[in-house]
C-alpha atoms as a PDB file:
ATOM      1  CA  MET A   1       0.001  -0.001  -0.044  1.00  0.00           C
ATOM      2  CA  LYS A   2       1.527   3.310  -1.176  1.00  0.00           C
ATOM      3  CA  ASN A   3      -0.052   5.392   1.547  1.00  0.00           C
ATOM      4  CA  GLY A   4       0.247   3.578   4.893  1.00  0.00           C
ATOM      5  CA  THR A   5      -1.697   6.201   6.895  1.00  0.00           C
ATOM      6  CA  ILE A   6      -5.313   7.039   7.577  1.00  0.00           C
ATOM      7  CA  THR A   7      -5.580   9.262   4.423  1.00  0.00           C
ATOM      8  CA  ALA A   8      -5.519   6.086   2.318  1.00  0.00           C
ATOM      9  CA  VAL A   9      -9.206   5.914   3.222  1.00  0.00           C
ATOM     10  CA  LYS A  10     -11.402   7.566   0.578  1.00  0.00           C
ATOM     11  CA  SER A  11     -12.479  11.140   1.352  1.00  0.00           C
ATOM     12  CA  ILE A  12     -10.303  11.521   4.499  1.00  0.00           C
ATOM     13  CA  GLN A  13      -7.974  14.494   4.826  1.00  0.00           C
ATOM     14  CA  VAL A  14      -5.640  15.312   7.705  1.00  0.00           C
ATOM     15  CA  GLY A  15      -3.969  18.542   8.683  1.00  0.00           C
ATOM     16  CA  HIS A  16      -1.663  19.610  11.598  1.00  0.00           C
ATOM     17  CA  ALA A  17      -0.974  22.956  13.270  1.00  0.00           C
ATOM     18  CA  THR A  18       1.944  23.033  15.723  1.00  0.00           C
ATOM     19  CA  ASN A  19       3.470  25.552  18.090  1.00  0.00           C
ATOM     20  CA  ARG A  20       6.909  24.000  18.638  1.00  0.00           C
ATOM     21  CA  ARG A  21       8.049  26.481  21.250  1.00  0.00           C
ATOM     22  CA  ALA A  22       4.979  25.884  23.468  1.00  0.00           C
ATOM     23  CA  ARG A  23       4.979  22.103  22.534  1.00  0.00           C
ATOM     24  CA  THR A  24       1.305  21.922  21.706  1.00  0.00           C
ATOM     25  CA  GLY A  25      -0.850  21.738  18.660  1.00  0.00           C
ATOM     26  CA  CYS A  26      -3.918  20.262  17.042  1.00  0.00           C
ATOM     27  CA  THR A  27      -4.729  17.854  14.297  1.00  0.00           C
ATOM     28  CA  VAL A  28      -7.930  17.772  12.257  1.00  0.00           C
ATOM     29  CA  VAL A  29      -9.466  14.898  10.308  1.00  0.00           C
ATOM     30  CA  LEU A  30     -11.779  16.206   7.574  1.00  0.00           C
ATOM     31  CA  CYS A  31     -14.522  14.396   5.746  1.00  0.00           C
ATOM     32  CA  MET A  32     -15.947  17.242   3.620  1.00  0.00           C
ATOM     33  CA  ALA A  33     -18.854  15.152   2.280  1.00  0.00           C
ATOM     34  CA  GLY A  34     -19.796  14.007   5.775  1.00  0.00           C
ATOM     35  CA  ALA A  35     -19.183  10.580   7.215  1.00  0.00           C
ATOM     36  CA  VAL A  36     -21.232   8.274   9.473  1.00  0.00           C
ATOM     37  CA  ALA A  37     -19.619   8.685  12.897  1.00  0.00           C
ATOM     38  CA  GLY A  38     -19.337   6.845  16.205  1.00  0.00           C
ATOM     39  CA  VAL A  39     -17.438   7.223  19.448  1.00  0.00           C
ATOM     40  CA  ASP A  40     -16.357   5.169  22.424  1.00  0.00           C
ATOM     41  CA  VAL A  41     -14.941   6.782  25.557  1.00  0.00           C
ATOM     42  CA  ARG A  42     -13.113   4.327  27.880  1.00  0.00           C
ATOM     43  CA  GLY A  43     -10.891   6.535  29.933  1.00  0.00           C
ATOM     44  CA  PHE A  44     -12.247   8.033  33.129  1.00  0.00           C
ATOM     45  CA  ALA A  45     -10.898  11.526  32.704  1.00  0.00           C
ATOM     46  CA  PRO A  46     -11.951  12.547  29.198  1.00  0.00           C
ATOM     47  CA  GLY A  47     -12.043  16.042  27.656  1.00  0.00           C
ATOM     48  CA  THR A  48     -14.510  15.900  24.749  1.00  0.00           C
ATOM     49  CA  ARG A  49     -16.985  17.844  22.661  1.00  0.00           C
ATOM     50  CA  GLU A  50     -20.062  16.775  20.574  1.00  0.00           C
ATOM     51  CA  THR A  51     -19.753  13.109  21.452  1.00  0.00           C
ATOM     52  CA  ASP A  52     -23.440  12.684  22.233  1.00  0.00           C
ATOM     53  CA  ALA A  53     -24.377  13.952  18.737  1.00  0.00           C
ATOM     54  CA  ILE A  54     -22.804  10.917  17.107  1.00  0.00           C
ATOM     55  CA  ARG A  55     -24.084   8.161  19.383  1.00  0.00           C
ATOM     56  CA  PRO A  56     -26.656   5.724  17.950  1.00  0.00           C
ATOM     57  CA  GLY A  57     -30.224   7.036  17.520  1.00  0.00           C
ATOM     58  CA  ARG A  58     -29.243  10.711  17.360  1.00  0.00           C
ATOM     59  CA  LEU A  59     -30.653  13.095  14.711  1.00  0.00           C
ATOM     60  CA  VAL A  60     -27.412  13.836  12.814  1.00  0.00           C
ATOM     61  CA  GLY A  61     -25.321  10.709  13.061  1.00  0.00           C
ATOM     62  CA  GLN A  62     -22.596  12.241  10.894  1.00  0.00           C
ATOM     63  CA  ALA A  63     -19.444  14.251  11.373  1.00  0.00           C
ATOM     64  CA  HIS A  64     -17.724  16.641   8.965  1.00  0.00           C
ATOM     65  CA  GLY A  65     -14.466  16.799  10.935  1.00  0.00           C
ATOM     66  CA  ILE A  66     -12.866  15.400  14.077  1.00  0.00           C
ATOM     67  CA  LEU A  67     -10.517  17.549  16.078  1.00  0.00           C
ATOM     68  CA  LEU A  68      -7.653  16.009  18.145  1.00  0.00           C
ATOM     69  CA  THR A  69      -5.911  18.663  20.225  1.00  0.00           C
ATOM     70  CA  GLY A  70      -3.536  19.534  23.049  1.00  0.00           C
ATOM     71  CA  GLY A  71      -4.224  22.216  25.595  1.00  0.00           C
ATOM     72  CA  SER A  72      -6.482  20.146  27.879  1.00  0.00           C
ATOM     73  CA  ALA A  73     -10.095  21.535  27.988  1.00  0.00           C
ATOM     74  CA  PHE A  74      -8.752  24.910  26.717  1.00  0.00           C
ATOM     75  CA  GLY A  75      -7.883  23.280  23.442  1.00  0.00           C
ATOM     76  CA  LEU A  76     -11.536  22.548  22.645  1.00  0.00           C
ATOM     77  CA  ASP A  77     -11.673  26.143  21.483  1.00  0.00           C
ATOM     78  CA  ALA A  78      -9.837  25.045  18.280  1.00  0.00           C
ATOM     79  CA  ALA A  79     -13.040  23.242  17.141  1.00  0.00           C
ATOM     80  CA  SER A  80     -14.576  26.661  16.489  1.00  0.00           C
ATOM     81  CA  GLY A  81     -11.867  27.268  13.887  1.00  0.00           C
ATOM     82  CA  VAL A  82     -12.645  23.925  12.241  1.00  0.00           C
ATOM     83  CA  MET A  83     -16.401  24.897  12.166  1.00  0.00           C
ATOM     84  CA  ARG A  84     -15.580  28.217  10.584  1.00  0.00           C
ATOM     85  CA  PHE A  85     -13.504  26.570   7.918  1.00  0.00           C
ATOM     86  CA  LEU A  86     -16.212  24.053   7.075  1.00  0.00           C
ATOM     87  CA  GLU A  87     -18.984  26.710   7.129  1.00  0.00           C
ATOM     88  CA  GLU A  88     -17.101  28.867   4.669  1.00  0.00           C
ATOM     89  CA  ARG A  89     -17.149  25.918   2.267  1.00  0.00           C
ATOM     90  CA  GLY A  90     -20.850  25.117   2.741  1.00  0.00           C
ATOM     91  CA  THR A  91     -20.097  21.898   4.636  1.00  0.00           C
ATOM     92  CA  GLY A  92     -22.272  20.883   7.514  1.00  0.00           C
ATOM     93  CA  PHE A  93     -25.693  19.718   8.664  1.00  0.00           C
ATOM     94  CA  ALA A  94     -28.301  21.638   6.640  1.00  0.00           C
ATOM     95  CA  THR A  95     -30.725  23.809   8.568  1.00  0.00           C
ATOM     96  CA  ALA A  96     -33.228  26.481   7.503  1.00  0.00           C
ATOM     97  CA  HIS A  97     -30.631  29.181   8.384  1.00  0.00           C
ATOM     98  CA  GLY A  98     -27.459  27.696   6.985  1.00  0.00           C
ATOM     99  CA  VAL A  99     -25.177  24.687   7.498  1.00  0.00           C
ATOM    100  CA  VAL A 100     -23.934  23.665  11.007  1.00  0.00           C
ATOM    101  CA  PRO A 101     -20.697  21.661  10.772  1.00  0.00           C
ATOM    102  CA  ILE A 102     -20.533  18.738  13.181  1.00  0.00           C
ATOM    103  CA  VAL A 103     -17.028  18.622  14.732  1.00  0.00           C
ATOM    104  CA  PRO A 104     -16.577  16.231  17.609  1.00  0.00           C
ATOM    105  CA  ALA A 105     -13.319  16.664  19.511  1.00  0.00           C
ATOM    106  CA  ALA A 106     -11.049  15.194  22.148  1.00  0.00           C
ATOM    107  CA  VAL A 107      -8.098  16.646  24.035  1.00  0.00           C
ATOM    108  CA  ILE A 108      -4.874  15.585  25.705  1.00  0.00           C
ATOM    109  CA  TYR A 109      -3.312  17.278  28.669  1.00  0.00           C
ATOM    110  CA  ASP A 110       0.035  18.662  27.619  1.00  0.00           C
ATOM    111  CA  LEU A 111       0.105  21.866  29.774  1.00  0.00           C
ATOM    112  CA  GLY A 112       3.079  20.621  31.860  1.00  0.00           C
ATOM    113  CA  VAL A 113       5.425  20.063  28.907  1.00  0.00           C
ATOM    114  CA  GLY A 114       5.847  23.385  27.108  1.00  0.00           C
ATOM    115  CA  ASP A 115       4.268  26.770  27.856  1.00  0.00           C
ATOM    116  CA  ALA A 116       0.981  26.195  29.646  1.00  0.00           C
ATOM    117  CA  ARG A 117      -0.185  29.706  28.807  1.00  0.00           C
ATOM    118  CA  ILE A 118      -0.267  28.859  25.073  1.00  0.00           C
ATOM    119  CA  ARG A 119      -3.017  26.473  23.905  1.00  0.00           C
ATOM    120  CA  PRO A 120      -4.591  25.550  20.661  1.00  0.00           C
ATOM    121  CA  ASP A 121      -7.330  28.098  19.816  1.00  0.00           C
ATOM    122  CA  LYS A 122      -9.738  28.952  17.031  1.00  0.00           C
ATOM    123  CA  ALA A 123      -6.980  30.345  14.784  1.00  0.00           C
ATOM    124  CA  MET A 124      -4.875  27.195  15.171  1.00  0.00           C
ATOM    125  CA  GLY A 125      -7.874  24.954  14.400  1.00  0.00           C
ATOM    126  CA  TYR A 126      -8.430  26.936  11.163  1.00  0.00           C
ATOM    127  CA  ARG A 127      -4.729  26.597  10.201  1.00  0.00           C
ATOM    128  CA  ALA A 128      -4.911  22.866  10.693  1.00  0.00           C
ATOM    129  CA  CYS A 129      -7.860  22.711   8.249  1.00  0.00           C
ATOM    130  CA  LYS A 130      -5.945  24.812   5.679  1.00  0.00           C
ATOM    131  CA  ALA A 131      -3.075  22.314   5.924  1.00  0.00           C
ATOM    132  CA  ALA A 132      -5.316  19.288   5.460  1.00  0.00           C
ATOM    133  CA  THR A 133      -4.565  16.981   2.441  1.00  0.00           C
ATOM    134  CA  ASP A 134      -5.020  13.361   1.507  1.00  0.00           C
ATOM    135  CA  ALA A 135      -1.254  12.900   1.307  1.00  0.00           C
ATOM    136  CA  PRO A 136       0.442  10.463   3.770  1.00  0.00           C
ATOM    137  CA  VAL A 137       0.125  11.940   7.283  1.00  0.00           C
ATOM    138  CA  PRO A 138       3.293  13.300   8.959  1.00  0.00           C
ATOM    139  CA  THR A 139       3.666  11.675  12.311  1.00  0.00           C
ATOM    140  CA  GLY A 140       5.716  12.005  15.505  1.00  0.00           C
ATOM    141  CA  ARG A 141       5.882  15.090  17.662  1.00  0.00           C
ATOM    142  CA  ILE A 142       3.634  17.246  15.535  1.00  0.00           C
ATOM    143  CA  GLY A 143       0.052  18.619  15.700  1.00  0.00           C
ATOM    144  CA  ALA A 144      -1.853  17.194  18.638  1.00  0.00           C
ATOM    145  CA  GLY A 145       1.149  14.951  19.465  1.00  0.00           C
ATOM    146  CA  ALA A 146       3.642  17.834  19.875  1.00  0.00           C
ATOM    147  CA  GLY A 147       3.557  17.752  23.719  1.00  0.00           C
ATOM    148  CA  ALA A 148       2.482  14.143  24.283  1.00  0.00           C
ATOM    149  CA  THR A 149       4.529  11.986  26.708  1.00  0.00           C
ATOM    150  CA  VAL A 150       4.318   8.336  27.898  1.00  0.00           C
ATOM    151  CA  GLY A 151       5.432   6.363  30.917  1.00  0.00           C
ATOM    152  CA  LYS A 152       4.315   8.642  33.733  1.00  0.00           C
ATOM    153  CA  ALA A 153       4.451   7.741  37.390  1.00  0.00           C
ATOM    154  CA  PRO A 154       5.972   9.548  40.381  1.00  0.00           C
ATOM    155  CA  GLY A 155       9.752   9.243  40.237  1.00  0.00           C
ATOM    156  CA  LEU A 156       9.965   8.506  36.536  1.00  0.00           C
ATOM    157  CA  HIS A 157      11.097  10.677  33.642  1.00  0.00           C
ATOM    158  CA  PRO A 158       8.512  10.390  30.878  1.00  0.00           C
ATOM    159  CA  ALA A 159       9.492   9.679  27.335  1.00  0.00           C
ATOM    160  CA  ASP A 160       8.127  11.498  24.264  1.00  0.00           C
ATOM    161  CA  GLY A 161       4.823  10.323  22.885  1.00  0.00           C
ATOM    162  CA  GLY A 162       3.449  11.690  19.619  1.00  0.00           C
ATOM    163  CA  ILE A 163       0.875  11.078  16.870  1.00  0.00           C
ATOM    164  CA  GLY A 164       0.984   8.009  14.679  1.00  0.00           C
ATOM    165  CA  SER A 165      -0.987   6.472  11.845  1.00  0.00           C
ATOM    166  CA  ALA A 166      -1.474   3.154  10.094  1.00  0.00           C
ATOM    167  CA  CYS A 167      -3.898   1.453   7.736  1.00  0.00           C
ATOM    168  CA  ALA A 168      -4.645  -1.901   6.201  1.00  0.00           C
ATOM    169  CA  ARG A 169      -7.127  -3.518   3.799  1.00  0.00           C
ATOM    170  CA  LEU A 170      -9.634  -6.232   4.293  1.00  0.00           C
ATOM    171  CA  PRO A 171      -9.669  -9.195   1.770  1.00  0.00           C
ATOM    172  CA  GLY A 172     -12.799  -7.672   0.197  1.00  0.00           C
ATOM    173  CA  GLY A 173     -11.045  -4.381  -0.504  1.00  0.00           C
ATOM    174  CA  ALA A 174     -12.299  -2.076   2.270  1.00  0.00           C
ATOM    175  CA  THR A 175      -9.654   0.080   3.878  1.00  0.00           C
ATOM    176  CA  VAL A 176      -9.370   0.788   7.589  1.00  0.00           C
ATOM    177  CA  GLY A 177      -7.034   3.407   8.953  1.00  0.00           C
ATOM    178  CA  ALA A 178      -6.165   4.918  12.340  1.00  0.00           C
ATOM    179  CA  LEU A 179      -4.665   8.115  13.640  1.00  0.00           C
ATOM    180  CA  MET A 180      -3.618   8.080  17.275  1.00  0.00           C
ATOM    181  CA  VAL A 181      -2.348  10.666  19.731  1.00  0.00           C
ATOM    182  CA  VAL A 182      -0.405   8.864  22.410  1.00  0.00           C
ATOM    183  CA  ASN A 183      -0.112  10.632  25.828  1.00  0.00           C
ATOM    184  CA  ALA A 184      -0.458   7.706  28.168  1.00  0.00           C
ATOM    185  CA  VAL A 185       0.301   6.877  31.797  1.00  0.00           C
ATOM    186  CA  GLY A 186       1.605   3.564  30.520  1.00  0.00           C
ATOM    187  CA  GLY A 187       4.530   2.489  28.359  1.00  0.00           C
ATOM    188  CA  ILE A 188       4.246   1.530  24.707  1.00  0.00           C
ATOM    189  CA  ILE A 189       4.516  -2.191  23.926  1.00  0.00           C
ATOM    190  CA  ASN A 190       5.266  -3.953  20.668  1.00  0.00           C
ATOM    191  CA  PRO A 191       2.125  -6.109  20.380  1.00  0.00           C
ATOM    192  CA  ASP A 192       3.982  -8.830  18.514  1.00  0.00           C
ATOM    193  CA  SER A 193       7.020  -9.261  20.838  1.00  0.00           C
ATOM    194  CA  GLY A 194       5.631  -7.867  24.115  1.00  0.00           C
ATOM    195  CA  ALA A 195       8.821  -5.723  24.392  1.00  0.00           C
ATOM    196  CA  MET A 196       8.504  -2.159  25.732  1.00  0.00           C
ATOM    197  CA  ILE A 197       9.555   0.335  23.126  1.00  0.00           C
ATOM    198  CA  ALA A 198       8.830   3.605  24.953  1.00  0.00           C
ATOM    199  CA  GLY A 199       8.322   4.286  28.625  1.00  0.00           C
ATOM    200  CA  GLY A 200       9.327   6.190  31.729  1.00  0.00           C
ATOM    201  CA  TYR A 201      12.906   6.263  32.929  1.00  0.00           C
ATOM    202  CA  GLY A 202      14.183   5.861  36.504  1.00  0.00           C
ATOM    203  CA  ALA A 203      16.820   8.425  35.694  1.00  0.00           C
ATOM    204  CA  ALA A 204      17.360  10.895  32.878  1.00  0.00           C
ATOM    205  CA  SER A 205      19.581   8.402  31.035  1.00  0.00           C
ATOM    206  CA  GLY A 206      18.628   5.179  32.775  1.00  0.00           C
ATOM    207  CA  PRO A 207      16.700   2.107  31.535  1.00  0.00           C
ATOM    208  CA  LYS A 208      12.959   2.148  30.864  1.00  0.00           C
ATOM    209  CA  VAL A 209      10.772   1.179  33.780  1.00  0.00           C
ATOM    210  CA  GLU A 210       7.400  -0.482  33.124  1.00  0.00           C
ATOM    211  CA  VAL A 211       4.498   1.395  34.711  1.00  0.00           C
ATOM    212  CA  GLY A 212       2.506  -1.627  35.732  1.00  0.00           C
ATOM    213  CA  ARG A 213       2.252  -4.310  38.328  1.00  0.00           C
ATOM    214  CA  LYS A 214       5.715  -3.621  39.817  1.00  0.00           C
ATOM    215  CA  SER A 215       5.452   0.174  40.009  1.00  0.00           C
ATOM    216  CA  LEU A 216       1.813   1.042  40.503  1.00  0.00           C
ATOM    217  CA  PRO A 217       1.146  -0.443  43.925  1.00  0.00           C
ATOM    218  CA  GLU A 218       3.936   1.620  45.428  1.00  0.00           C
ATOM    219  CA  HIS A 219       3.845   4.637  43.012  1.00  0.00           C
ATOM    220  CA  GLY A 220       0.390   5.398  41.742  1.00  0.00           C
ATOM    221  CA  PRO A 221       0.151   7.377  38.475  1.00  0.00           C
ATOM    222  CA  GLY A 222       0.181  11.147  38.441  1.00  0.00           C
ATOM    223  CA  MET A 223      -2.600  13.661  38.539  1.00  0.00           C
ATOM    224  CA  PRO A 224      -6.000  12.626  37.187  1.00  0.00           C
ATOM    225  CA  GLY A 225      -6.643  13.873  33.667  1.00  0.00           C
ATOM    226  CA  THR A 226      -3.028  14.503  32.790  1.00  0.00           C
ATOM    227  CA  ASN A 227      -2.834  11.600  30.437  1.00  0.00           C
ATOM    228  CA  THR A 228      -4.886  10.326  27.507  1.00  0.00           C
ATOM    229  CA  THR A 229      -4.751   8.373  24.225  1.00  0.00           C
ATOM    230  CA  ILE A 230      -7.127   9.734  21.690  1.00  0.00           C
ATOM    231  CA  GLY A 231      -7.707   8.931  17.981  1.00  0.00           C
ATOM    232  CA  VAL A 232      -9.792   8.352  14.923  1.00  0.00           C
ATOM    233  CA  VAL A 233     -10.497   5.154  13.059  1.00  0.00           C
ATOM    234  CA  ALA A 234     -11.772   5.632   9.434  1.00  0.00           C
ATOM    235  CA  THR A 235     -12.973   3.257   6.840  1.00  0.00           C
ATOM    236  CA  ASP A 236     -14.518   3.307   3.362  1.00  0.00           C
ATOM    237  CA  ALA A 237     -16.731   0.346   4.394  1.00  0.00           C
ATOM    238  CA  ALA A 238     -20.414   1.311   4.650  1.00  0.00           C
ATOM    239  CA  LEU A 239     -21.463   1.372   8.297  1.00  0.00           C
ATOM    240  CA  SER A 240     -24.602   2.441  10.084  1.00  0.00           C
ATOM    241  CA  SER A 241     -24.424   4.796  13.068  1.00  0.00           C
ATOM    242  CA  THR A 242     -24.739   1.778  15.405  1.00  0.00           C
ATOM    243  CA  GLU A 243     -22.004  -0.077  13.546  1.00  0.00           C
ATOM    244  CA  ALA A 244     -19.691   2.908  13.652  1.00  0.00           C
ATOM    245  CA  ASN A 245     -20.028   2.977  17.398  1.00  0.00           C
ATOM    246  CA  VAL A 246     -19.334  -0.746  17.558  1.00  0.00           C
ATOM    247  CA  VAL A 247     -16.149  -0.258  15.535  1.00  0.00           C
ATOM    248  CA  ALA A 248     -15.034   2.539  17.860  1.00  0.00           C
ATOM    249  CA  ALA A 249     -15.562   0.179  20.797  1.00  0.00           C
ATOM    250  CA  MET A 250     -13.722  -2.729  19.199  1.00  0.00           C
ATOM    251  CA  ALA A 251     -10.864  -0.474  18.167  1.00  0.00           C
ATOM    252  CA  HIS A 252     -10.034   0.197  21.880  1.00  0.00           C
ATOM    253  CA  ASP A 253      -8.608  -3.353  21.996  1.00  0.00           C
ATOM    254  CA  GLY A 254      -5.733  -1.910  20.066  1.00  0.00           C
ATOM    255  CA  ILE A 255      -5.006   0.531  22.897  1.00  0.00           C
ATOM    256  CA  ALA A 256      -4.935  -2.264  25.415  1.00  0.00           C
ATOM    257  CA  ARG A 257      -2.497  -4.300  23.173  1.00  0.00           C
ATOM    258  CA  ALA A 258      -0.002  -1.456  22.696  1.00  0.00           C
ATOM    259  CA  ILE A 259      -0.194   0.510  25.952  1.00  0.00           C
ATOM    260  CA  ARG A 260       0.322  -0.926  29.424  1.00  0.00           C
ATOM    261  CA  PRO A 261      -1.613  -0.053  31.518  1.00  0.00           C
ATOM    262  CA  ALA A 262      -4.518   1.498  29.609  1.00  0.00           C
ATOM    263  CA  HIS A 263      -7.952   2.988  30.453  1.00  0.00           C
ATOM    264  CA  THR A 264      -6.993   3.996  33.960  1.00  0.00           C
ATOM    265  CA  LEU A 265      -8.673   6.670  36.148  1.00  0.00           C
ATOM    266  CA  ARG A 266      -5.788   8.918  35.065  1.00  0.00           C
ATOM    267  CA  ASP A 267      -6.527   8.475  31.316  1.00  0.00           C
ATOM    268  CA  GLY A 268      -9.252  10.029  29.083  1.00  0.00           C
ATOM    269  CA  ASP A 269      -8.933   7.472  26.281  1.00  0.00           C
ATOM    270  CA  THR A 270     -11.466   8.293  23.464  1.00  0.00           C
ATOM    271  CA  LEU A 271     -11.786   6.835  19.986  1.00  0.00           C
ATOM    272  CA  PHE A 272     -13.947   8.129  17.111  1.00  0.00           C
ATOM    273  CA  ALA A 273     -14.928   6.098  14.093  1.00  0.00           C
ATOM    274  CA  LEU A 274     -15.775   7.362  10.614  1.00  0.00           C
ATOM    275  CA  SER A 275     -17.381   5.643   7.708  1.00  0.00           C
ATOM    276  CA  SER A 276     -16.767   7.608   4.557  1.00  0.00           C
ATOM    277  CA  GLY A 277     -17.551   5.083   1.763  1.00  0.00           C
ATOM    278  CA  LYS A 278     -19.908   2.476   0.415  1.00  0.00           C
ATOM    279  CA  ARG A 279     -17.866  -0.651   0.270  1.00  0.00           C
ATOM    280  CA  LYS A 280     -19.497  -3.818   1.572  1.00  0.00           C
ATOM    281  CA  ALA A 281     -17.777  -5.296   4.592  1.00  0.00           C
ATOM    282  CA  ASP A 282     -18.726  -7.199   7.758  1.00  0.00           C
ATOM    283  CA  VAL A 283     -18.710  -4.901  10.757  1.00  0.00           C
ATOM    284  CA  ASN A 284     -16.905  -7.555  12.823  1.00  0.00           C
ATOM    285  CA  ALA A 285     -14.067  -7.720  10.276  1.00  0.00           C
ATOM    286  CA  VAL A 286     -13.852  -3.901  10.214  1.00  0.00           C
ATOM    287  CA  GLY A 287     -13.659  -3.769  14.038  1.00  0.00           C
ATOM    288  CA  ILE A 288     -11.028  -6.509  14.214  1.00  0.00           C
ATOM    289  CA  LEU A 289      -8.820  -4.751  11.701  1.00  0.00           C
ATOM    290  CA  ALA A 290      -9.499  -1.405  13.438  1.00  0.00           C
ATOM    291  CA  ALA A 291      -7.947  -2.769  16.651  1.00  0.00           C
ATOM    292  CA  GLU A 292      -4.868  -3.902  14.724  1.00  0.00           C
ATOM    293  CA  VAL A 293      -4.231  -0.552  12.931  1.00  0.00           C
ATOM    294  CA  VAL A 294      -4.861   1.281  16.257  1.00  0.00           C
ATOM    295  CA  ALA A 295      -2.086  -0.705  17.876  1.00  0.00           C
ATOM    296  CA  GLN A 296       0.216  -0.121  14.891  1.00  0.00           C
ATOM    297  CA  ALA A 297      -0.549   3.639  14.876  1.00  0.00           C
ATOM    298  CA  ILE A 298       0.354   3.798  18.597  1.00  0.00           C
ATOM    299  CA  VAL A 299       3.668   2.172  17.892  1.00  0.00           C
ATOM    300  CA  ASP A 300       4.237   4.533  14.951  1.00  0.00           C
ATOM    301  CA  ALA A 301       3.653   7.547  17.265  1.00  0.00           C
ATOM    302  CA  VAL A 302       6.847   6.795  19.242  1.00  0.00           C
ATOM    303  CA  ALA A 303       8.936   4.970  16.567  1.00  0.00           C
ATOM    304  CA  ARG A 304      11.381   7.901  15.933  1.00  0.00           C
END
């Protein structure tokens, strides 16, 4: 596959905006024609916007963009910039008085890494949209992953996290891709070997220490809400609103495979799912592959 990122999925575009000095930024996933959307929130300290609008049985059931952002709850302001960009192009839910773009969003807490006074805002969200293309997605410490860190417990030095992407195809031809922002309490694990590839350090230049059974009983993780893994799964398989929410739920298995521990009281883990095409595919097969590409995207986020 020439493009090994989420933009290999039909109609999906991704753009980043980054403030490297403040080590924060945002990333937008655009689906200008609209996409059936779902969401699953597993972490217990989430920062989100418009998630109820895309749950099964709701009126709209679609999204026109998804925002992943730093800045904690302050960063949700960047969604206004995404809405403005989409409105200017006539994209959104049609009402009697104009279109209303539906832009669900999720945040990570990166205020302790760079300059906490600078957060993603409306202007940054708009810039991310202007940068959006269907080219392979740049990954690493960019966009919403600019200030992400992993392996966080008292006494440990966190390692850099980031944003990663991966995609794969089902035998029937449908494509499933993932874009993940990795800012976890836990360390990053190679799902195939079980080896830790990124985690906290006992000293600035010492060996990685697993945040898990050995460390948590004595050293609980840091402040609630200061960690989170968020992301988007997209596919060109035709899904209903209920099925998109099922895929978002199944995709969380990829977080558990690649991050140890995951879904703690300190994390706000949130996954969105988008269906932007009409290919026929079994929802179970889509969900199974979604979990695989989520795990691959998490590894990609720290593999540099």
